[in-house]
N, C-alpha and C. Protein backbone atom coordinates (compact mmCIF):
# COMPACT_ATOMS: atom_id res chain seq x y z
N MET A 1 105.99 118.56 115.02
CA MET A 1 105.13 117.62 115.75
C MET A 1 104.23 116.87 114.75
N ILE A 2 104.38 115.58 114.71
CA ILE A 2 103.60 114.78 113.76
C ILE A 2 102.14 114.69 114.22
N ASN A 3 101.24 115.10 113.32
CA ASN A 3 99.81 114.93 113.61
C ASN A 3 99.05 114.21 112.50
N THR A 4 99.80 113.79 111.48
CA THR A 4 99.19 113.15 110.31
C THR A 4 100.02 111.96 109.88
N ILE A 5 99.37 110.83 109.64
CA ILE A 5 100.06 109.63 109.19
C ILE A 5 99.45 109.20 107.86
N ILE A 6 100.33 109.05 106.86
CA ILE A 6 99.90 108.69 105.50
C ILE A 6 100.42 107.31 105.18
N PHE A 7 99.51 106.40 104.88
CA PHE A 7 99.87 105.02 104.56
C PHE A 7 99.75 104.75 103.06
N ASP A 8 100.73 104.05 102.52
CA ASP A 8 100.53 103.28 101.30
C ASP A 8 99.69 102.07 101.70
N LEU A 9 99.05 101.41 100.74
CA LEU A 9 98.21 100.25 101.09
C LEU A 9 98.83 98.91 100.70
N GLY A 10 99.14 98.73 99.41
CA GLY A 10 99.65 97.44 98.96
C GLY A 10 100.99 97.11 99.57
N ASN A 11 101.04 95.96 100.24
CA ASN A 11 102.23 95.45 100.90
C ASN A 11 102.72 96.32 102.05
N VAL A 12 101.79 97.14 102.57
CA VAL A 12 101.98 97.82 103.85
C VAL A 12 100.84 97.41 104.78
N LEU A 13 99.61 97.54 104.29
CA LEU A 13 98.44 97.10 105.05
C LEU A 13 97.75 95.89 104.42
N ILE A 14 97.96 95.71 103.12
CA ILE A 14 97.29 94.63 102.38
C ILE A 14 98.33 93.81 101.64
N ASN A 15 98.31 92.50 101.86
CA ASN A 15 99.19 91.61 101.12
C ASN A 15 98.72 91.51 99.67
N TRP A 16 99.61 91.85 98.73
CA TRP A 16 99.30 91.74 97.30
C TRP A 16 100.51 91.16 96.60
N ASP A 17 100.31 90.06 95.88
CA ASP A 17 101.43 89.40 95.21
C ASP A 17 100.91 88.65 93.98
N PRO A 18 101.23 89.11 92.77
CA PRO A 18 100.80 88.40 91.56
C PRO A 18 101.25 86.95 91.50
N LYS A 19 102.34 86.62 92.19
CA LYS A 19 102.83 85.24 92.17
C LYS A 19 101.81 84.27 92.76
N LEU A 20 100.97 84.74 93.66
CA LEU A 20 99.95 83.88 94.25
C LEU A 20 99.04 83.31 93.18
N LEU A 21 98.76 84.11 92.16
CA LEU A 21 97.96 83.64 91.03
C LEU A 21 98.80 82.85 90.04
N TYR A 22 99.93 83.41 89.63
CA TYR A 22 100.66 82.81 88.52
C TYR A 22 101.39 81.52 88.87
N ASN A 23 101.61 81.29 90.15
CA ASN A 23 102.13 79.98 90.53
C ASN A 23 101.11 78.88 90.29
N LYS A 24 99.83 79.26 90.16
CA LYS A 24 98.79 78.29 89.81
C LYS A 24 98.74 78.05 88.30
N LEU A 25 99.18 79.04 87.55
CA LEU A 25 99.05 78.98 86.09
C LEU A 25 100.28 78.40 85.41
N PHE A 26 101.44 78.52 86.06
CA PHE A 26 102.68 77.99 85.49
C PHE A 26 103.19 76.85 86.36
N ASP A 27 103.92 75.96 85.74
CA ASP A 27 104.35 74.76 86.46
C ASP A 27 105.73 74.91 87.11
N SER A 28 106.28 76.11 87.07
CA SER A 28 107.54 76.33 87.77
C SER A 28 107.63 77.79 88.18
N GLU A 29 108.36 78.03 89.25
CA GLU A 29 108.56 79.40 89.73
C GLU A 29 109.34 80.21 88.71
N GLU A 30 110.24 79.53 88.00
CA GLU A 30 111.03 80.20 86.97
C GLU A 30 110.13 80.79 85.88
N LYS A 31 109.13 80.05 85.45
CA LYS A 31 108.20 80.54 84.42
C LYS A 31 107.35 81.68 84.96
N THR A 32 106.92 81.57 86.21
CA THR A 32 106.15 82.65 86.83
C THR A 32 106.98 83.93 86.87
N ASN A 33 108.21 83.81 87.33
CA ASN A 33 109.07 84.99 87.45
C ASN A 33 109.33 85.63 86.09
N HIS A 34 109.57 84.80 85.09
CA HIS A 34 109.84 85.33 83.75
C HIS A 34 108.63 86.09 83.22
N PHE A 35 107.46 85.53 83.41
CA PHE A 35 106.23 86.16 82.92
C PHE A 35 106.01 87.51 83.59
N LEU A 36 106.20 87.56 84.90
CA LEU A 36 105.95 88.80 85.64
C LEU A 36 107.06 89.84 85.47
N GLU A 37 108.23 89.38 85.12
CA GLU A 37 109.34 90.31 84.91
C GLU A 37 109.39 90.86 83.49
N HIS A 38 108.82 90.10 82.52
CA HIS A 38 108.96 90.48 81.12
C HIS A 38 107.66 90.74 80.38
N ILE A 39 106.53 90.28 80.91
CA ILE A 39 105.26 90.45 80.19
C ILE A 39 104.29 91.25 81.04
N CYS A 40 103.66 90.66 82.01
CA CYS A 40 102.78 91.42 82.92
C CYS A 40 103.63 92.03 84.02
N THR A 41 104.34 93.09 83.64
CA THR A 41 105.31 93.70 84.55
C THR A 41 104.63 94.69 85.50
N LEU A 42 105.34 95.05 86.55
CA LEU A 42 104.82 96.07 87.46
C LEU A 42 104.68 97.41 86.74
N THR A 43 105.58 97.70 85.81
CA THR A 43 105.49 98.95 85.05
C THR A 43 104.21 98.99 84.22
N TRP A 44 103.87 97.87 83.59
CA TRP A 44 102.62 97.77 82.82
C TRP A 44 101.42 97.94 83.75
N ASN A 45 101.44 97.29 84.89
CA ASN A 45 100.34 97.38 85.84
C ASN A 45 100.15 98.82 86.31
N GLU A 46 101.25 99.56 86.46
CA GLU A 46 101.16 100.93 86.92
C GLU A 46 100.45 101.85 85.93
N GLU A 47 100.43 101.46 84.65
CA GLU A 47 99.68 102.24 83.67
C GLU A 47 98.18 102.19 84.01
N GLN A 48 97.73 101.04 84.45
CA GLN A 48 96.33 100.92 84.87
C GLN A 48 96.12 101.66 86.20
N ASP A 49 97.11 101.60 87.07
CA ASP A 49 97.03 102.36 88.33
C ASP A 49 96.91 103.86 88.06
N ALA A 50 97.48 104.30 86.94
CA ALA A 50 97.48 105.72 86.61
C ALA A 50 96.26 106.13 85.79
N GLY A 51 95.32 105.20 85.59
CA GLY A 51 94.07 105.59 84.97
C GLY A 51 93.70 104.89 83.68
N ARG A 52 94.66 104.18 83.05
CA ARG A 52 94.29 103.44 81.84
C ARG A 52 93.33 102.32 82.23
N SER A 53 92.33 102.08 81.41
CA SER A 53 91.34 101.06 81.75
C SER A 53 91.98 99.67 81.71
N LEU A 54 91.43 98.77 82.50
CA LEU A 54 91.93 97.40 82.52
C LEU A 54 91.78 96.77 81.14
N GLU A 55 90.68 97.08 80.47
CA GLU A 55 90.44 96.53 79.13
C GLU A 55 91.51 97.01 78.15
N ALA A 56 91.81 98.31 78.18
CA ALA A 56 92.81 98.85 77.26
C ALA A 56 94.20 98.30 77.56
N GLY A 57 94.54 98.21 78.84
CA GLY A 57 95.84 97.68 79.21
C GLY A 57 96.00 96.22 78.80
N THR A 58 94.95 95.45 79.01
CA THR A 58 94.98 94.03 78.65
C THR A 58 95.09 93.87 77.14
N LYS A 59 94.31 94.63 76.40
CA LYS A 59 94.32 94.56 74.93
C LYS A 59 95.69 94.91 74.38
N ALA A 60 96.30 95.95 74.90
CA ALA A 60 97.61 96.38 74.42
C ALA A 60 98.66 95.30 74.61
N LEU A 61 98.60 94.61 75.74
CA LEU A 61 99.60 93.58 76.02
C LEU A 61 99.36 92.33 75.19
N ILE A 62 98.11 91.98 74.98
CA ILE A 62 97.80 90.81 74.15
C ILE A 62 98.26 91.04 72.71
N GLU A 63 98.16 92.27 72.25
CA GLU A 63 98.65 92.58 70.90
C GLU A 63 100.15 92.36 70.79
N GLN A 64 100.86 92.59 71.90
CA GLN A 64 102.30 92.37 71.93
C GLN A 64 102.65 90.89 72.09
N TYR A 65 101.87 90.20 72.91
CA TYR A 65 102.19 88.80 73.26
C TYR A 65 100.94 87.93 73.08
N PRO A 66 100.48 87.76 71.84
CA PRO A 66 99.25 86.99 71.63
C PRO A 66 99.33 85.55 72.11
N GLN A 67 100.54 85.01 72.16
CA GLN A 67 100.72 83.63 72.62
C GLN A 67 100.41 83.47 74.11
N HIS A 68 100.35 84.59 74.82
CA HIS A 68 100.06 84.56 76.26
C HIS A 68 98.70 85.17 76.60
N LYS A 69 97.81 85.13 75.65
CA LYS A 69 96.50 85.75 75.82
C LYS A 69 95.80 85.29 77.10
N THR A 70 95.75 84.01 77.33
CA THR A 70 95.05 83.46 78.50
C THR A 70 95.66 83.95 79.80
N GLU A 71 96.99 83.91 79.87
CA GLU A 71 97.67 84.33 81.09
C GLU A 71 97.53 85.84 81.32
N ILE A 72 97.58 86.62 80.25
CA ILE A 72 97.43 88.07 80.38
C ILE A 72 96.02 88.41 80.86
N GLU A 73 95.02 87.78 80.28
CA GLU A 73 93.64 88.04 80.69
C GLU A 73 93.40 87.67 82.15
N ALA A 74 94.16 86.71 82.65
CA ALA A 74 93.99 86.28 84.05
C ALA A 74 94.44 87.35 85.03
N TYR A 75 95.33 88.24 84.61
CA TYR A 75 95.90 89.22 85.54
C TYR A 75 94.80 90.03 86.22
N TYR A 76 93.87 90.52 85.43
CA TYR A 76 92.76 91.26 86.03
C TYR A 76 91.50 90.42 86.16
N GLY A 77 91.38 89.40 85.32
CA GLY A 77 90.22 88.52 85.43
C GLY A 77 90.20 87.72 86.72
N ARG A 78 91.39 87.42 87.23
CA ARG A 78 91.51 86.66 88.48
C ARG A 78 92.33 87.45 89.51
N TRP A 79 92.25 88.75 89.42
CA TRP A 79 93.08 89.64 90.26
C TRP A 79 92.89 89.39 91.75
N GLU A 80 91.69 89.05 92.18
CA GLU A 80 91.44 88.85 93.61
C GLU A 80 92.28 87.72 94.18
N GLU A 81 92.74 86.81 93.33
CA GLU A 81 93.58 85.71 93.79
C GLU A 81 94.99 86.17 94.13
N MET A 82 95.31 87.43 93.80
CA MET A 82 96.60 88.00 94.17
C MET A 82 96.59 88.59 95.58
N LEU A 83 95.41 88.74 96.14
CA LEU A 83 95.27 89.29 97.49
C LEU A 83 95.40 88.18 98.52
N ASN A 84 96.14 88.44 99.56
CA ASN A 84 96.35 87.41 100.59
C ASN A 84 96.07 87.98 101.97
N GLY A 85 94.99 88.76 102.05
CA GLY A 85 94.55 89.25 103.34
C GLY A 85 95.32 90.46 103.82
N PRO A 86 94.96 90.95 105.00
CA PRO A 86 95.66 92.10 105.58
C PRO A 86 97.01 91.71 106.15
N ILE A 87 97.89 92.70 106.28
CA ILE A 87 99.13 92.52 107.02
C ILE A 87 98.79 92.86 108.47
N GLU A 88 98.53 91.83 109.23
CA GLU A 88 97.90 91.99 110.55
C GLU A 88 98.68 92.90 111.48
N GLY A 89 100.00 92.79 111.47
CA GLY A 89 100.79 93.60 112.38
C GLY A 89 100.64 95.09 112.11
N THR A 90 100.57 95.46 110.83
CA THR A 90 100.41 96.87 110.48
C THR A 90 99.00 97.34 110.81
N VAL A 91 98.02 96.50 110.54
CA VAL A 91 96.64 96.86 110.87
C VAL A 91 96.50 97.09 112.37
N GLU A 92 97.20 96.30 113.17
CA GLU A 92 97.15 96.46 114.63
C GLU A 92 97.78 97.79 115.05
N ILE A 93 98.89 98.16 114.40
CA ILE A 93 99.50 99.46 114.69
C ILE A 93 98.53 100.58 114.33
N PHE A 94 97.92 100.48 113.16
CA PHE A 94 96.95 101.47 112.71
C PHE A 94 95.80 101.58 113.72
N LYS A 95 95.30 100.45 114.16
CA LYS A 95 94.18 100.43 115.11
C LYS A 95 94.55 101.13 116.41
N LYS A 96 95.73 100.82 116.92
CA LYS A 96 96.15 101.41 118.20
C LYS A 96 96.41 102.91 118.07
N LEU A 97 97.00 103.32 116.95
CA LEU A 97 97.22 104.74 116.74
C LEU A 97 95.90 105.49 116.59
N LYS A 98 94.97 104.88 115.89
CA LYS A 98 93.65 105.48 115.70
C LYS A 98 92.98 105.69 117.06
N ALA A 99 93.15 104.73 117.94
CA ALA A 99 92.51 104.79 119.25
C ALA A 99 93.05 105.92 120.12
N THR A 100 94.26 106.40 119.82
CA THR A 100 94.82 107.48 120.63
C THR A 100 94.10 108.81 120.38
N GLY A 101 93.47 108.94 119.23
CA GLY A 101 92.79 110.19 118.88
C GLY A 101 93.73 111.35 118.59
N LYS A 102 95.02 111.06 118.42
CA LYS A 102 96.01 112.13 118.25
C LYS A 102 96.29 112.48 116.78
N TYR A 103 95.89 111.60 115.87
CA TYR A 103 96.35 111.74 114.50
C TYR A 103 95.21 111.70 113.49
N LYS A 104 95.47 112.33 112.33
CA LYS A 104 94.65 112.14 111.14
C LYS A 104 95.33 111.07 110.29
N PHE A 105 94.52 110.27 109.60
CA PHE A 105 95.07 109.17 108.80
C PHE A 105 94.58 109.27 107.36
N TYR A 106 95.54 109.14 106.44
CA TYR A 106 95.20 109.16 105.02
C TYR A 106 95.92 108.02 104.32
N ALA A 107 95.32 107.58 103.23
CA ALA A 107 95.96 106.59 102.37
C ALA A 107 96.26 107.24 101.03
N LEU A 108 97.45 106.98 100.52
CA LEU A 108 97.88 107.46 99.21
C LEU A 108 98.33 106.23 98.44
N THR A 109 97.50 105.78 97.50
CA THR A 109 97.73 104.47 96.92
C THR A 109 97.73 104.47 95.40
N ASN A 110 98.69 103.73 94.84
CA ASN A 110 98.67 103.43 93.41
C ASN A 110 97.77 102.21 93.23
N TRP A 111 96.59 102.44 92.68
CA TRP A 111 95.60 101.36 92.59
C TRP A 111 94.62 101.70 91.46
N SER A 112 94.28 100.73 90.68
CA SER A 112 93.29 100.92 89.62
C SER A 112 91.94 101.33 90.20
N ALA A 113 91.32 102.34 89.59
CA ALA A 113 90.00 102.78 90.05
C ALA A 113 88.96 101.68 89.90
N GLU A 114 89.16 100.79 88.93
CA GLU A 114 88.21 99.71 88.70
C GLU A 114 88.33 98.61 89.74
N LEU A 115 89.51 98.47 90.32
CA LEU A 115 89.75 97.39 91.28
C LEU A 115 89.62 97.83 92.73
N PHE A 116 89.76 99.13 92.98
CA PHE A 116 89.76 99.57 94.37
C PHE A 116 88.47 99.26 95.11
N PRO A 117 87.30 99.29 94.46
CA PRO A 117 86.08 98.92 95.18
C PRO A 117 86.13 97.51 95.78
N ILE A 118 86.90 96.62 95.16
CA ILE A 118 87.06 95.26 95.71
C ILE A 118 87.78 95.35 97.06
N ALA A 119 88.81 96.17 97.11
CA ALA A 119 89.55 96.34 98.37
C ALA A 119 88.65 96.94 99.45
N LEU A 120 87.86 97.93 99.07
CA LEU A 120 86.95 98.54 100.04
C LEU A 120 85.97 97.53 100.61
N ARG A 121 85.56 96.60 99.79
CA ARG A 121 84.63 95.57 100.24
C ARG A 121 85.32 94.53 101.13
N GLU A 122 86.56 94.23 100.82
CA GLU A 122 87.27 93.15 101.51
C GLU A 122 87.90 93.58 102.84
N PHE A 123 88.30 94.84 102.92
CA PHE A 123 89.12 95.27 104.07
C PHE A 123 88.42 96.40 104.82
N ASN A 124 87.77 96.07 105.91
CA ASN A 124 86.98 97.04 106.65
C ASN A 124 87.83 98.17 107.22
N PHE A 125 89.10 97.90 107.52
CA PHE A 125 89.94 98.95 108.11
C PHE A 125 90.16 100.13 107.17
N LEU A 126 89.86 99.97 105.89
CA LEU A 126 89.98 101.11 104.97
C LEU A 126 89.00 102.21 105.34
N ASN A 127 87.96 101.84 106.07
CA ASN A 127 86.99 102.84 106.53
C ASN A 127 87.52 103.69 107.68
N TRP A 128 88.66 103.32 108.26
CA TRP A 128 89.22 104.08 109.37
C TRP A 128 89.92 105.35 108.90
N PHE A 129 90.22 105.45 107.62
CA PHE A 129 90.95 106.61 107.12
C PHE A 129 90.07 107.85 107.08
N ASP A 130 90.71 108.99 107.30
CA ASP A 130 90.03 110.28 107.15
C ASP A 130 89.91 110.67 105.68
N GLY A 131 90.69 110.04 104.84
CA GLY A 131 90.62 110.28 103.41
C GLY A 131 91.53 109.31 102.67
N ILE A 132 91.16 108.96 101.45
CA ILE A 132 91.96 108.06 100.61
C ILE A 132 92.08 108.69 99.24
N VAL A 133 93.31 108.77 98.73
CA VAL A 133 93.54 109.26 97.37
C VAL A 133 94.04 108.08 96.54
N VAL A 134 93.29 107.75 95.49
CA VAL A 134 93.55 106.59 94.65
C VAL A 134 94.06 107.07 93.28
N SER A 135 95.21 106.58 92.89
CA SER A 135 95.83 107.05 91.65
C SER A 135 94.93 106.87 90.43
N GLY A 136 94.24 105.75 90.36
CA GLY A 136 93.39 105.49 89.21
C GLY A 136 92.27 106.49 89.06
N ASP A 137 91.82 107.05 90.17
CA ASP A 137 90.78 108.09 90.13
C ASP A 137 91.35 109.43 89.68
N GLU A 138 92.63 109.65 89.98
CA GLU A 138 93.23 110.96 89.73
C GLU A 138 93.97 111.03 88.40
N GLY A 139 94.28 109.88 87.81
CA GLY A 139 95.02 109.87 86.55
C GLY A 139 96.49 110.18 86.71
N ILE A 140 97.01 109.99 87.92
CA ILE A 140 98.42 110.23 88.21
C ILE A 140 98.78 109.36 89.41
N ARG A 141 100.04 109.01 89.55
CA ARG A 141 100.42 108.05 90.59
C ARG A 141 101.74 108.46 91.24
N LYS A 142 102.02 107.81 92.37
CA LYS A 142 103.35 107.95 92.96
C LYS A 142 104.38 107.40 91.95
N PRO A 143 105.54 108.00 91.85
CA PRO A 143 106.14 108.99 92.75
C PRO A 143 105.94 110.45 92.31
N GLU A 144 104.99 110.72 91.43
CA GLU A 144 104.82 112.09 90.94
C GLU A 144 104.47 113.04 92.09
N ALA A 145 105.17 114.15 92.15
CA ALA A 145 104.94 115.12 93.21
C ALA A 145 103.51 115.64 93.20
N ALA A 146 102.93 115.78 92.01
CA ALA A 146 101.57 116.30 91.90
C ALA A 146 100.55 115.38 92.55
N PHE A 147 100.85 114.09 92.62
CA PHE A 147 99.93 113.14 93.26
C PHE A 147 99.91 113.36 94.77
N PHE A 148 101.08 113.56 95.35
CA PHE A 148 101.15 113.90 96.78
C PHE A 148 100.43 115.23 97.04
N GLN A 149 100.60 116.16 96.11
CA GLN A 149 100.02 117.49 96.30
C GLN A 149 98.50 117.43 96.34
N ILE A 150 97.92 116.50 95.60
CA ILE A 150 96.46 116.33 95.64
C ILE A 150 96.00 116.06 97.07
N LEU A 151 96.71 115.16 97.76
CA LEU A 151 96.36 114.85 99.14
C LEU A 151 96.54 116.07 100.03
N PHE A 152 97.67 116.77 99.87
CA PHE A 152 97.93 117.96 100.71
C PHE A 152 96.81 118.98 100.56
N ASP A 153 96.44 119.24 99.32
CA ASP A 153 95.44 120.27 99.05
C ASP A 153 94.04 119.85 99.47
N ARG A 154 93.69 118.62 99.17
CA ARG A 154 92.32 118.15 99.44
C ARG A 154 92.03 118.08 100.93
N TYR A 155 93.03 117.69 101.71
CA TYR A 155 92.80 117.46 103.14
C TYR A 155 93.58 118.43 104.04
N GLN A 156 94.10 119.49 103.44
CA GLN A 156 94.84 120.51 104.20
C GLN A 156 95.93 119.88 105.07
N VAL A 157 96.72 119.04 104.44
CA VAL A 157 97.83 118.38 105.14
C VAL A 157 99.10 119.21 104.97
N ASN A 158 99.75 119.51 106.08
CA ASN A 158 101.05 120.17 106.05
C ASN A 158 102.12 119.09 106.02
N PRO A 159 102.92 119.02 104.94
CA PRO A 159 103.94 117.96 104.86
C PRO A 159 104.87 117.91 106.07
N ALA A 160 105.13 119.06 106.66
CA ALA A 160 106.04 119.12 107.81
C ALA A 160 105.47 118.45 109.05
N ASP A 161 104.14 118.24 109.06
CA ASP A 161 103.48 117.62 110.22
C ASP A 161 103.11 116.16 109.96
N ALA A 162 103.59 115.61 108.84
CA ALA A 162 103.16 114.27 108.43
C ALA A 162 104.32 113.29 108.38
N VAL A 163 103.97 112.01 108.53
CA VAL A 163 104.91 110.93 108.26
C VAL A 163 104.25 110.00 107.24
N PHE A 164 105.04 109.56 106.27
CA PHE A 164 104.55 108.76 105.15
C PHE A 164 105.20 107.38 105.21
N ILE A 165 104.40 106.34 104.99
CA ILE A 165 104.87 104.95 105.09
C ILE A 165 104.59 104.25 103.77
N ASP A 166 105.63 103.70 103.13
CA ASP A 166 105.49 103.03 101.84
C ASP A 166 106.56 101.96 101.74
N ASP A 167 106.25 100.87 101.05
CA ASP A 167 107.24 99.80 100.90
C ASP A 167 108.19 100.06 99.74
N ASN A 168 107.86 101.02 98.85
CA ASN A 168 108.65 101.27 97.65
C ASN A 168 109.61 102.43 97.91
N LEU A 169 110.90 102.14 97.82
CA LEU A 169 111.92 103.15 98.11
C LEU A 169 111.78 104.36 97.19
N ARG A 170 111.40 104.12 95.94
CA ARG A 170 111.19 105.21 94.99
C ARG A 170 110.17 106.22 95.53
N ASN A 171 109.10 105.72 96.09
CA ASN A 171 108.04 106.59 96.61
C ASN A 171 108.47 107.29 97.90
N VAL A 172 109.21 106.58 98.72
CA VAL A 172 109.72 107.16 99.97
C VAL A 172 110.65 108.33 99.66
N GLU A 173 111.54 108.14 98.69
CA GLU A 173 112.48 109.20 98.32
C GLU A 173 111.74 110.41 97.74
N ALA A 174 110.69 110.13 96.95
CA ALA A 174 109.90 111.22 96.37
C ALA A 174 109.22 112.03 97.47
N ALA A 175 108.70 111.34 98.48
CA ALA A 175 108.04 112.03 99.59
C ALA A 175 109.03 112.88 100.38
N ARG A 176 110.21 112.35 100.59
CA ARG A 176 111.22 113.11 101.34
C ARG A 176 111.59 114.40 100.62
N LYS A 177 111.62 114.36 99.30
CA LYS A 177 111.94 115.57 98.54
C LYS A 177 110.87 116.64 98.73
N LEU A 178 109.67 116.22 99.11
CA LEU A 178 108.57 117.15 99.34
C LEU A 178 108.49 117.61 100.80
N GLY A 179 109.45 117.16 101.59
CA GLY A 179 109.51 117.60 102.99
C GLY A 179 108.70 116.74 103.94
N ILE A 180 108.37 115.51 103.52
CA ILE A 180 107.62 114.61 104.40
C ILE A 180 108.58 113.62 105.05
N GLU A 181 108.54 113.52 106.35
CA GLU A 181 109.28 112.44 107.02
C GLU A 181 108.71 111.12 106.52
N SER A 182 109.59 110.20 106.10
CA SER A 182 109.10 108.99 105.45
C SER A 182 109.81 107.75 105.95
N ILE A 183 109.04 106.67 105.99
CA ILE A 183 109.55 105.38 106.46
C ILE A 183 109.35 104.36 105.35
N ARG A 184 110.42 103.66 105.02
CA ARG A 184 110.27 102.54 104.08
C ARG A 184 109.81 101.31 104.87
N PHE A 185 108.65 100.80 104.51
CA PHE A 185 108.08 99.68 105.24
C PHE A 185 108.78 98.38 104.86
N THR A 186 109.21 97.63 105.87
CA THR A 186 109.75 96.29 105.66
C THR A 186 109.01 95.25 106.50
N SER A 187 108.57 95.68 107.69
CA SER A 187 107.80 94.79 108.56
C SER A 187 107.08 95.64 109.60
N ALA A 188 106.05 95.07 110.18
CA ALA A 188 105.31 95.79 111.21
C ALA A 188 106.21 96.08 112.41
N GLU A 189 107.07 95.14 112.75
CA GLU A 189 107.95 95.32 113.91
C GLU A 189 108.90 96.51 113.70
N GLU A 190 109.49 96.59 112.51
CA GLU A 190 110.39 97.70 112.23
C GLU A 190 109.63 99.02 112.12
N LEU A 191 108.41 98.96 111.61
CA LEU A 191 107.60 100.17 111.52
C LEU A 191 107.33 100.74 112.91
N ARG A 192 107.00 99.87 113.83
CA ARG A 192 106.73 100.31 115.21
C ARG A 192 107.94 101.06 115.78
N GLU A 193 109.14 100.52 115.53
CA GLU A 193 110.35 101.16 116.05
C GLU A 193 110.64 102.47 115.31
N SER A 194 110.42 102.47 114.00
CA SER A 194 110.70 103.67 113.21
C SER A 194 109.78 104.82 113.61
N LEU A 195 108.54 104.51 113.91
CA LEU A 195 107.59 105.56 114.31
C LEU A 195 108.03 106.26 115.60
N LYS A 196 108.69 105.51 116.47
CA LYS A 196 109.15 106.10 117.73
C LYS A 196 110.15 107.24 117.48
N GLU A 197 110.90 107.14 116.37
CA GLU A 197 111.87 108.18 116.04
C GLU A 197 111.18 109.52 115.79
N TYR A 198 109.91 109.46 115.43
CA TYR A 198 109.13 110.68 115.18
C TYR A 198 108.16 110.96 116.32
N GLU A 199 108.44 110.33 117.46
CA GLU A 199 107.62 110.49 118.67
C GLU A 199 106.16 110.07 118.44
N VAL A 200 105.99 109.12 117.52
CA VAL A 200 104.68 108.52 117.30
C VAL A 200 104.70 107.20 118.05
N THR A 201 104.09 107.18 119.21
CA THR A 201 104.12 105.98 120.05
C THR A 201 102.75 105.35 120.16
N ILE A 202 102.74 104.05 120.32
CA ILE A 202 101.50 103.28 120.30
C ILE A 202 101.10 102.89 121.71
N ASP A 203 102.05 102.38 122.45
CA ASP A 203 101.72 101.84 123.79
C ASP A 203 101.93 102.89 124.88
């Protein structure tokens, strides 16, 4: 019986896309894609999500690509421009589930500790969670099993009673290996239908 719902945040509840910024900095989508695929990569960003300081991460990359100093510094200097508001459909599902009083809600997010306070300020629904575990605070990130275990231990969550929602298949598969029913997020509409499979109903 599901009594706990664990949300990822980025691109599940919050729209986040570096292209929103870099399409302003480059004059073609091809240049934006190349920069984000080969220089300011998601893998590099995850080092900061795992606890490396923004300053150290930025410095390390500039040493590798000094010709892109300005663009690299913009990644965190103008990071808020990568946010494009809440994913309204998911927030509505969260709101309705919260109103049932049947579930505990937690967030398990790969997010820089230095940047997460911005999200807390911008998105009031983050206050609806019973607990939030931020990778940058813990020095470890998804898909590491130990990161999930932090949430289980801190909030006495039984994996067998939980469902986990994440847009990253890597993280979903990691959660399943730990015995958590998991849903790969693609849209709010599909999420609503997927939750029904676990007898988590909204209406």
